Structure formats: structure tokens, C-alpha cells
């Protein structure tokens, strides 16, 4: 009987230790699964971020290629704005004064008199303004 009681006590102790080890194993497994889920989430987030970064780099590189053209267009627009007053004055003079004359005399008025008058008064004007 004593041996049975001792064996039952050892069994109970062994089962308690087994239960403690199984509880520890369950907690460790849960921690491992949570860590793996976090790792997967971080890997997906890193992949999305890498994809966005690649797209941003491609966009920046494609915009960089257009920079020269944009600078040139901006300079042309600035120049056009400077010449706008002279061009409008030349066009107004053409409409106001050149109507009754033939095309040769109109060209002479435009190219020699009106254009030279704008140049003399230091008003910027386009050299190749086509009023027609």
C-alpha cells in the first residue's frame, strides 16, 4: 500500500510537472506564432514600401528626363510674356492703319516702320511675328 501511495504521489507530481511543461510549451508556441505573424506582417509591409519606393524612383527619373524641356518651356514663356506688349502693339497698328493698303505696302509698314518704332522705343517685340 505504501509503495502504491508513493507511486501515486510520484505520478501526481510527474503529471503536475507534465502539465507545467505543457502550459509552458503552449505559451511558447503562442509567443512563437505571434512573432511569426508579426514577422510576416513586417515582411509584407517592407515589400509594399519597397514597391512604393521603386515606383517613386521611376517617377522621379522620368520627371528628371523632362526637366530640360520644362526649363526651356519656362524660359520661352517668360520671353513670350516680355514680348507680348510689343506684339499686341504691332498687331493693333496693323489692324488700325494697314487695312486699305496692298500687301506690299502693309509688309513695308509692318517690317520697317512699326517694328523699327517699337525697337527705337525699347519695347520688346517678336522678330518673326506673323499677323496673318
C-alpha atoms as a PDB file:
ATOM      1  CA  UNK A   1       0.000   0.000   0.000  1.00  0.00           C
ATOM      2  CA  UNK A   2       2.869   2.307   0.893  1.00  0.00           C
ATOM      3  CA  UNK A   3       4.510   1.706  -2.440  1.00  0.00           C
ATOM      4  CA  UNK A   4       1.189   2.366  -4.229  1.00  0.00           C
ATOM      5  CA  UNK A   5       0.709   5.593  -2.337  1.00  0.00           C
ATOM      6  CA  UNK A   6       4.274   6.633  -3.098  1.00  0.00           C
ATOM      7  CA  UNK A   7       3.801   5.704  -6.771  1.00  0.00           C
ATOM      8  CA  UNK A   8       0.534   7.700  -6.906  1.00  0.00           C
ATOM      9  CA  UNK A   9       2.306  10.693  -5.314  1.00  0.00           C
ATOM     10  CA  UNK A  10       5.145  10.393  -7.836  1.00  0.00           C
ATOM     11  CA  UNK A  11       2.567  10.059 -10.604  1.00  0.00           C
ATOM     12  CA  UNK A  12       0.707  13.171  -9.401  1.00  0.00           C
ATOM     13  CA  UNK A  13       3.990  15.092  -9.185  1.00  0.00           C
ATOM     14  CA  UNK A  14       5.017  13.879 -12.647  1.00  0.00           C
ATOM     15  CA  UNK A  15       1.593  14.825 -14.063  1.00  0.00           C
ATOM     16  CA  UNK A  16       1.858  18.269 -12.422  1.00  0.00           C
ATOM     17  CA  UNK A  17       5.324  18.724 -13.947  1.00  0.00           C
ATOM     18  CA  UNK A  18       3.992  17.483 -17.292  1.00  0.00           C
ATOM     19  CA  UNK A  19       1.093  19.936 -17.079  1.00  0.00           C
ATOM     20  CA  UNK A  20       3.513  22.781 -16.214  1.00  0.00           C
ATOM     21  CA  UNK A  21       5.733  21.830 -19.163  1.00  0.00           C
ATOM     22  CA  UNK A  22       2.692  21.607 -21.485  1.00  0.00           C
ATOM     23  CA  UNK A  23       1.481  25.032 -20.266  1.00  0.00           C
ATOM     24  CA  UNK A  24       4.951  26.454 -20.881  1.00  0.00           C
ATOM     25  CA  UNK A  25       5.014  24.806 -24.299  1.00  0.00           C
ATOM     26  CA  UNK A  26       1.584  26.292 -25.137  1.00  0.00           C
ATOM     27  CA  UNK A  27       2.727  29.797 -24.064  1.00  0.00           C
ATOM     28  CA  UNK A  28       5.943  29.467 -26.053  1.00  0.00           C
ATOM     29  CA  UNK A  29       4.029  28.201 -29.103  1.00  0.00           C
ATOM     30  CA  UNK A  30       1.620  31.157 -28.825  1.00  0.00           C
ATOM     31  CA  UNK A  31       4.554  33.563 -28.494  1.00  0.00           C
ATOM     32  CA  UNK A  32       6.244  31.918 -31.486  1.00  0.00           C
ATOM     33  CA  UNK A  33       3.070  32.145 -33.595  1.00  0.00           C
ATOM     34  CA  UNK A  34       2.600  35.801 -32.645  1.00  0.00           C
ATOM     35  CA  UNK A  35       6.225  36.529 -33.508  1.00  0.00           C
ATOM     36  CA  UNK A  36       5.877  34.734 -36.849  1.00  0.00           C
ATOM     37  CA  UNK A  37       2.659  36.635 -37.618  1.00  0.00           C
ATOM     38  CA  UNK A  38       4.449  39.912 -36.792  1.00  0.00           C
ATOM     39  CA  UNK A  39       7.388  38.854 -38.988  1.00  0.00           C
ATOM     40  CA  UNK A  40       5.012  38.120 -41.879  1.00  0.00           C
ATOM     41  CA  UNK A  41       3.233  41.444 -41.399  1.00  0.00           C
ATOM     42  CA  UNK A  42       6.548  43.319 -41.333  1.00  0.00           C
ATOM     43  CA  UNK A  43       7.773  41.477 -44.432  1.00  0.00           C
ATOM     44  CA  UNK A  44       4.583  42.406 -46.313  1.00  0.00           C
ATOM     45  CA  UNK A  45       4.887  45.998 -45.133  1.00  0.00           C
ATOM     46  CA  UNK A  46       8.527  46.100 -46.248  1.00  0.00           C
ATOM     47  CA  UNK A  47       7.561  44.692 -49.653  1.00  0.00           C
ATOM     48  CA  UNK A  48       4.839  47.334 -50.075  1.00  0.00           C
ATOM     49  CA  UNK A  49       7.237  50.069 -49.027  1.00  0.00           C
ATOM     50  CA  UNK A  50       9.905  48.768 -51.425  1.00  0.00           C
ATOM     51  CA  UNK A  51       7.337  48.717 -54.245  1.00  0.00           C
ATOM     52  CA  UNK A  52       6.270  52.300 -53.478  1.00  0.00           C
ATOM     53  CA  UNK A  53       9.902  53.388 -53.322  1.00  0.00           C
ATOM     54  CA  UNK A  54      10.620  51.766 -56.687  1.00  0.00           C
ATOM     55  CA  UNK A  55       7.598  53.483 -58.217  1.00  0.00           C
ATOM     56  CA  UNK A  56       8.662  56.835 -56.730  1.00  0.00           C
ATOM     57  CA  UNK A  57      12.185  56.393 -58.095  1.00  0.00           C
ATOM     58  CA  UNK A  58      10.848  55.569 -61.546  1.00  0.00           C
ATOM     59  CA  UNK A  59       8.586  58.628 -61.424  1.00  0.00           C
ATOM     60  CA  UNK A  60      11.421  60.892 -60.293  1.00  0.00           C
ATOM     61  CA  UNK A  61      13.691  59.542 -63.021  1.00  0.00           C
ATOM     62  CA  UNK A  62      11.036  60.049 -65.692  1.00  0.00           C
ATOM     63  CA  UNK A  63      10.381  63.588 -64.435  1.00  0.00           C
ATOM     64  CA  UNK A  64      14.122  64.289 -64.393  1.00  0.00           C
ATOM     65  CA  UNK A  65      14.246  63.491 -68.098  1.00  0.00           C
ATOM     66  CA  UNK A  66      11.608  66.177 -68.741  1.00  0.00           C
ATOM     67  CA  UNK A  67      13.359  68.820 -66.623  1.00  0.00           C
ATOM     68  CA  UNK A  68      15.359  70.218 -69.548  1.00  0.00           C
ATOM     69  CA  UNK A  69      12.245  70.589 -71.662  1.00  0.00           C
ATOM     70  CA  UNK A  70      10.347  72.230 -68.790  1.00  0.00           C
ATOM     71  CA  UNK A  71      13.133  74.724 -68.167  1.00  0.00           C
ATOM     72  CA  UNK A  72      13.256  75.533 -71.865  1.00  0.00           C
ATOM     73  CA  UNK A  73       9.450  75.956 -71.998  1.00  0.00           C
ATOM     74  CA  UNK A  74       9.518  78.183 -68.909  1.00  0.00           C
ATOM     75  CA  UNK A  75      12.189  80.385 -70.485  1.00  0.00           C
ATOM     76  CA  UNK A  76      10.239  80.579 -73.747  1.00  0.00           C
ATOM     77  CA  UNK A  77       7.093  81.534 -71.847  1.00  0.00           C
ATOM     78  CA  UNK A  78       8.980  84.228 -69.930  1.00  0.00           C
ATOM     79  CA  UNK A  79      10.325  85.598 -73.213  1.00  0.00           C
ATOM     80  CA  UNK A  80       6.849  85.492 -74.755  1.00  0.00           C
ATOM     81  CA  UNK A  81       5.441  87.463 -71.818  1.00  0.00           C
ATOM     82  CA  UNK A  82       8.127  90.115 -72.274  1.00  0.00           C
ATOM     83  CA  UNK A  83       7.348  90.461 -75.997  1.00  0.00           C
ATOM     84  CA  UNK A  84       3.565  90.414 -75.564  1.00  0.00           C
ATOM     85  CA  UNK A  85       3.165  94.200 -75.274  1.00  0.00           C
ATOM     86  CA  UNK A  86       5.179  94.858 -78.431  1.00  0.00           C
ATOM     87  CA  UNK A  87       3.415  92.099 -80.353  1.00  0.00           C
ATOM     88  CA  UNK A  88      -0.009  93.426 -79.367  1.00  0.00           C
ATOM     89  CA  UNK A  89       1.006  96.998 -80.244  1.00  0.00           C
ATOM     90  CA  UNK A  90       2.277  95.834 -83.639  1.00  0.00           C
ATOM     91  CA  UNK A  91      -0.924  93.855 -84.289  1.00  0.00           C
ATOM     92  CA  UNK A  92      -3.092  96.808 -83.247  1.00  0.00           C
ATOM     93  CA  UNK A  93      -1.149  99.126 -85.536  1.00  0.00           C
ATOM     94  CA  UNK A  94      -1.613  96.657 -88.375  1.00  0.00           C
ATOM     95  CA  UNK A  95      -5.365  96.401 -87.831  1.00  0.00           C
ATOM     96  CA  UNK A  96      -5.771 100.151 -87.340  1.00  0.00           C
ATOM     97  CA  UNK A  97      -3.619 101.503 -90.159  1.00  0.00           C
ATOM     98  CA  UNK A  98      -2.932  98.859 -92.780  1.00  0.00           C
ATOM     99  CA  UNK A  99      -6.421  97.876 -93.924  1.00  0.00           C
ATOM    100  CA  UNK A 100      -6.779  99.959 -97.075  1.00  0.00           C
ATOM    101  CA  UNK A 101      -3.276  99.266 -98.436  1.00  0.00           C
ATOM    102  CA  UNK A 102      -1.979  96.463-100.625  1.00  0.00           C
ATOM    103  CA  UNK A 103       0.109  93.612 -99.217  1.00  0.00           C
ATOM    104  CA  UNK A 104       3.474  95.035-100.301  1.00  0.00           C
ATOM    105  CA  UNK A 105       2.886  98.336 -98.571  1.00  0.00           C
ATOM    106  CA  UNK A 106       1.450  96.545 -95.498  1.00  0.00           C
ATOM    107  CA  UNK A 107       4.607  94.446 -95.241  1.00  0.00           C
ATOM    108  CA  UNK A 108       6.756  97.544 -95.583  1.00  0.00           C
ATOM    109  CA  UNK A 109       4.771  99.356 -92.858  1.00  0.00           C
ATOM    110  CA  UNK A 110       4.927  96.360 -90.527  1.00  0.00           C
ATOM    111  CA  UNK A 111       8.525  95.348 -91.035  1.00  0.00           C
ATOM    112  CA  UNK A 112      10.156  98.721 -91.412  1.00  0.00           C
ATOM    113  CA  UNK A 113       8.092 101.377 -89.676  1.00  0.00           C
ATOM    114  CA  UNK A 114       6.032  99.716 -86.928  1.00  0.00           C
ATOM    115  CA  UNK A 115       8.709  97.217 -85.963  1.00  0.00           C
ATOM    116  CA  UNK A 116      11.501  99.817 -86.014  1.00  0.00           C
ATOM    117  CA  UNK A 117       9.383 102.209 -83.940  1.00  0.00           C
ATOM    118  CA  UNK A 118       8.956  99.548 -81.255  1.00  0.00           C
ATOM    119  CA  UNK A 119      12.695  98.818 -81.329  1.00  0.00           C
ATOM    120  CA  UNK A 120      13.526 102.542 -81.054  1.00  0.00           C
ATOM    121  CA  UNK A 121      11.239 102.861 -78.033  1.00  0.00           C
ATOM    122  CA  UNK A 122      12.892  99.760 -76.498  1.00  0.00           C
ATOM    123  CA  UNK A 123       9.650  97.786 -76.403  1.00  0.00           C
ATOM    124  CA  UNK A 124      10.348  94.048 -76.733  1.00  0.00           C
ATOM    125  CA  UNK A 125       8.718  92.592 -79.825  1.00  0.00           C
ATOM    126  CA  UNK A 126       8.916  89.294 -81.702  1.00  0.00           C
ATOM    127  CA  UNK A 127      11.145  89.398 -84.778  1.00  0.00           C
ATOM    128  CA  UNK A 128       9.054  86.862 -86.697  1.00  0.00           C
ATOM    129  CA  UNK A 129       5.528  87.889 -85.709  1.00  0.00           C
ATOM    130  CA  UNK A 130       3.066  86.586 -88.323  1.00  0.00           C
ATOM    131  CA  UNK A 131      -0.084  88.686 -88.161  1.00  0.00           C
ATOM    132  CA  UNK A 132      -1.830  86.733 -90.874  1.00  0.00           C
END
